[in-house]
Amino acid sequence: MASAPLTHDRLLAASDWQAIFDPDTRIIIDPEAVPLQRGDIAPLLDLAPFGHRASGPPGTVTGDLPPLPETLATAITDLATRFAALMRCDTVRVRLEGVTGNACRKVHADYTDLRLICTLAGPGTDYTLGDDPDAPLLRVATGAVALFKGHMFGPGHSACLHRSPPIEGSEERRLVLVIDTPSRQADG
């Protein structure tokens, strides 16, 4: 897919996740990776706030989460499998969070190698393509999968600065899926 150079650091809107290995690419946004309907996840929003964590082989990791709508469990398994194949790991860590407050509201980069974030409902994750946390922010569309490079991705690669959009007091709720590699993972 075509890239959109915005500075020397790039955002790629791509279904080819391999492009994340390009040193000039900090983030990949795949707008068509999660084919869920609002009705598939609406009941979970009523339970927010919550946070569920699981780790294990991508094909079975949802078994350690509370019962989920089948379409959501399938989507998580598919994304975990694809992420594990990309990162060449046998296990992944998964977080599914119902957010009602200002979680991770400061612009930051994670101390991990690569993090998949997909906001399934509510405002998507904000990000910038440079190193200035005060730069204007862009927003990942709700339902799109974003791969964010972290500080530990590797030599010659720059991390992607991002934040959760502040929603406290707005009555908005977010349903956020996060997938990490089993090692070098840190919350943030």
Protein backbone atom coordinates (compact mmCIF):
# COMPACT_ATOMS: atom_id res chain seq x y z
CA MET A 1 0.00 0.00 0.00
CA ALA A 2 1.06 3.57 -0.50
CA SER A 3 2.77 5.40 2.29
CA ALA A 4 2.06 8.96 3.32
CA PRO A 5 5.34 10.66 4.24
CA LEU A 6 4.58 13.40 6.75
CA THR A 7 8.12 13.98 8.01
CA HIS A 8 11.15 11.71 7.76
CA ASP A 9 9.14 9.47 10.07
CA ARG A 10 6.20 7.79 8.39
CA LEU A 11 2.73 6.59 9.03
CA LEU A 12 1.65 3.74 6.82
CA ALA A 13 -1.97 2.92 6.24
CA ALA A 14 -1.42 -0.68 5.34
CA SER A 15 -2.68 -4.17 5.65
CA ASP A 16 0.93 -5.38 5.25
CA TRP A 17 2.12 -5.25 8.83
CA GLN A 18 5.68 -6.19 7.75
CA ALA A 19 6.20 -2.53 6.86
CA ILE A 20 6.69 -1.83 10.58
CA PHE A 21 10.24 -3.15 10.19
CA ASP A 22 11.14 -0.11 8.04
CA PRO A 23 13.27 2.12 10.32
CA ASP A 24 11.42 5.24 9.12
CA THR A 25 7.98 3.88 10.05
CA ARG A 26 6.85 4.48 13.65
CA ILE A 27 3.24 3.34 13.29
CA ILE A 28 1.10 1.27 10.98
CA ILE A 29 -2.63 1.75 10.89
CA ASP A 30 -4.71 -1.03 9.39
CA PRO A 31 -8.22 0.38 8.94
CA GLU A 32 -9.85 -2.92 7.96
CA ALA A 33 -8.42 -5.46 10.41
CA VAL A 34 -11.40 -5.75 12.79
CA PRO A 35 -14.80 -6.39 11.17
CA LEU A 36 -16.95 -5.91 14.30
CA GLN A 37 -20.31 -4.22 14.52
CA ARG A 38 -21.26 -1.89 17.37
CA GLY A 39 -23.86 -4.42 18.57
CA ASP A 40 -21.09 -7.01 19.03
CA ILE A 41 -19.47 -4.96 21.77
CA ALA A 42 -22.18 -2.66 23.16
CA PRO A 43 -22.93 -4.90 26.19
CA LEU A 44 -19.30 -4.64 27.31
CA LEU A 45 -19.44 -0.85 27.36
CA ASP A 46 -22.14 -1.04 30.03
CA LEU A 47 -19.67 -2.88 32.30
CA ALA A 48 -16.93 -0.22 32.09
CA PRO A 49 -14.69 0.47 33.81
CA PHE A 50 -12.91 -2.87 33.76
CA GLY A 51 -9.59 -4.39 32.79
CA HIS A 52 -9.00 -7.99 31.84
CA ARG A 53 -5.58 -9.51 31.14
CA ALA A 54 -4.49 -12.81 29.69
CA SER A 55 -1.33 -14.30 28.25
CA GLY A 56 -0.56 -17.43 26.33
CA PRO A 57 -0.60 -18.90 22.84
CA PRO A 58 -2.59 -16.67 20.48
CA GLY A 59 -5.07 -19.42 19.60
CA THR A 60 -6.11 -19.98 23.22
CA VAL A 61 -5.44 -16.65 24.96
CA THR A 62 -9.11 -15.63 24.96
CA GLY A 63 -9.88 -18.66 27.13
CA ASP A 64 -8.31 -16.78 30.06
CA LEU A 65 -10.58 -13.76 29.55
CA PRO A 66 -14.15 -13.54 30.86
CA PRO A 67 -16.82 -14.76 28.44
CA LEU A 68 -16.92 -12.52 25.36
CA PRO A 69 -19.25 -12.22 22.39
CA GLU A 70 -18.12 -14.83 19.86
CA THR A 71 -17.32 -12.24 17.19
CA LEU A 72 -15.07 -10.33 19.60
CA ALA A 73 -13.29 -13.48 20.83
CA THR A 74 -12.67 -14.49 17.20
CA ALA A 75 -11.35 -11.02 16.34
CA ILE A 76 -8.97 -11.07 19.34
CA THR A 77 -7.72 -14.55 18.42
CA ASP A 78 -7.17 -13.50 14.81
CA LEU A 79 -5.29 -10.35 15.78
CA ALA A 80 -3.21 -12.16 18.41
CA THR A 81 -2.28 -14.83 15.87
CA ARG A 82 -1.30 -12.27 13.25
CA PHE A 83 0.67 -10.22 15.81
CA ALA A 84 2.52 -13.29 17.09
CA ALA A 85 3.44 -14.30 13.54
CA LEU A 86 4.72 -10.78 12.82
CA MET A 87 6.83 -10.68 15.98
CA ARG A 88 7.83 -14.36 15.76
CA CYS A 89 6.67 -15.20 19.27
CA ASP A 90 4.74 -18.21 20.57
CA THR A 91 2.77 -16.33 23.22
CA VAL A 92 1.23 -12.89 23.56
CA ARG A 93 -0.17 -10.69 26.30
CA VAL A 94 -3.69 -9.35 25.84
CA ARG A 95 -5.53 -6.57 27.68
CA LEU A 96 -9.17 -5.75 27.11
CA GLU A 97 -10.19 -2.60 28.94
CA GLY A 98 -13.42 -0.69 29.37
CA VAL A 99 -12.24 2.87 29.98
CA THR A 100 -14.27 5.71 31.47
CA GLY A 101 -11.47 7.99 32.67
CA ASN A 102 -8.20 9.53 31.57
CA ALA A 103 -5.97 6.45 31.34
CA CYS A 104 -2.53 7.17 29.81
CA ARG A 105 -3.52 10.73 28.97
CA LYS A 106 0.05 12.04 28.73
CA VAL A 107 1.87 11.74 25.42
CA HIS A 108 4.43 8.95 25.80
CA ALA A 109 6.10 6.00 24.10
CA ASP A 110 5.93 2.54 25.62
CA TYR A 111 8.90 0.59 26.98
CA THR A 112 8.19 -2.39 24.78
CA ASP A 113 9.14 -3.46 21.28
CA LEU A 114 5.77 -3.27 19.52
CA ARG A 115 2.26 -2.73 20.82
CA LEU A 116 -1.00 -3.35 18.99
CA ILE A 117 -3.80 -1.02 20.08
CA CYS A 118 -7.32 -1.18 18.71
CA THR A 119 -10.04 1.04 20.13
CA LEU A 120 -13.18 -0.97 19.48
CA ALA A 121 -15.56 1.73 20.77
CA GLY A 122 -15.13 5.37 21.73
CA PRO A 123 -12.42 7.78 20.62
CA GLY A 124 -9.29 6.19 19.19
CA THR A 125 -5.71 6.63 20.37
CA ASP A 126 -3.97 9.97 19.70
CA TYR A 127 -0.42 9.97 18.28
CA THR A 128 2.26 12.11 16.69
CA LEU A 129 4.93 11.13 14.19
CA GLY A 130 7.84 13.04 15.64
CA ASP A 131 9.68 13.32 18.92
CA ASP A 132 7.89 16.43 20.24
CA PRO A 133 5.15 15.48 22.74
CA ASP A 134 3.65 18.97 22.28
CA ALA A 135 3.19 18.55 18.52
CA PRO A 136 -0.35 18.46 17.13
CA LEU A 137 -1.90 15.04 17.58
CA LEU A 138 -3.55 12.81 15.03
CA ARG A 139 -6.14 10.18 15.97
CA VAL A 140 -6.44 6.51 15.01
CA ALA A 141 -9.98 5.81 13.81
CA THR A 142 -12.22 3.70 16.02
CA GLY A 143 -12.00 0.09 14.86
CA ALA A 144 -8.64 0.48 13.13
CA VAL A 145 -5.66 -1.54 14.34
CA ALA A 146 -2.52 0.45 15.09
CA LEU A 147 0.96 -1.00 15.58
CA PHE A 148 3.02 1.39 17.73
CA LYS A 149 6.78 1.01 17.92
CA GLY A 150 8.12 1.23 21.46
CA HIS A 151 11.49 2.27 22.83
CA MET A 152 12.78 -1.31 22.65
CA PHE A 153 11.93 -2.09 19.02
CA GLY A 154 15.56 -2.09 18.00
CA PRO A 155 18.55 0.03 17.00
CA GLY A 156 17.78 2.62 14.35
CA HIS A 157 14.05 2.65 15.07
CA SER A 158 12.16 5.47 16.78
CA ALA A 159 9.21 4.95 19.10
CA CYS A 160 5.77 6.36 18.34
CA LEU A 161 4.50 8.91 20.85
CA HIS A 162 0.82 8.46 21.70
CA ARG A 163 -1.83 8.86 24.40
CA SER A 164 -5.32 7.81 25.31
CA PRO A 165 -7.71 10.67 24.60
CA PRO A 166 -8.94 12.34 27.78
CA ILE A 167 -12.60 11.43 28.29
CA GLU A 168 -13.16 11.80 32.04
CA GLY A 169 -16.42 13.62 32.77
CA SER A 170 -17.60 13.33 29.15
CA GLU A 171 -19.87 10.30 29.61
CA GLU A 172 -17.88 8.61 26.82
CA ARG A 173 -16.66 5.05 27.20
CA ARG A 174 -13.88 3.31 25.34
CA LEU A 175 -13.34 -0.38 24.71
CA VAL A 176 -9.64 -0.90 24.03
CA LEU A 177 -7.73 -4.01 23.00
CA VAL A 178 -3.96 -4.12 23.55
CA ILE A 179 -1.66 -6.94 22.42
CA ASP A 180 2.04 -7.14 23.35
CA THR A 181 4.89 -9.56 22.94
CA PRO A 182 5.55 -11.78 25.99
CA SER A 183 8.83 -10.13 26.93
CA ARG A 184 10.01 -6.56 26.99
CA GLN A 185 6.44 -5.52 27.72
CA ALA A 186 5.58 -2.73 30.06
CA ASP A 187 2.34 -0.94 30.74
CA GLY A 188 2.11 2.63 29.71
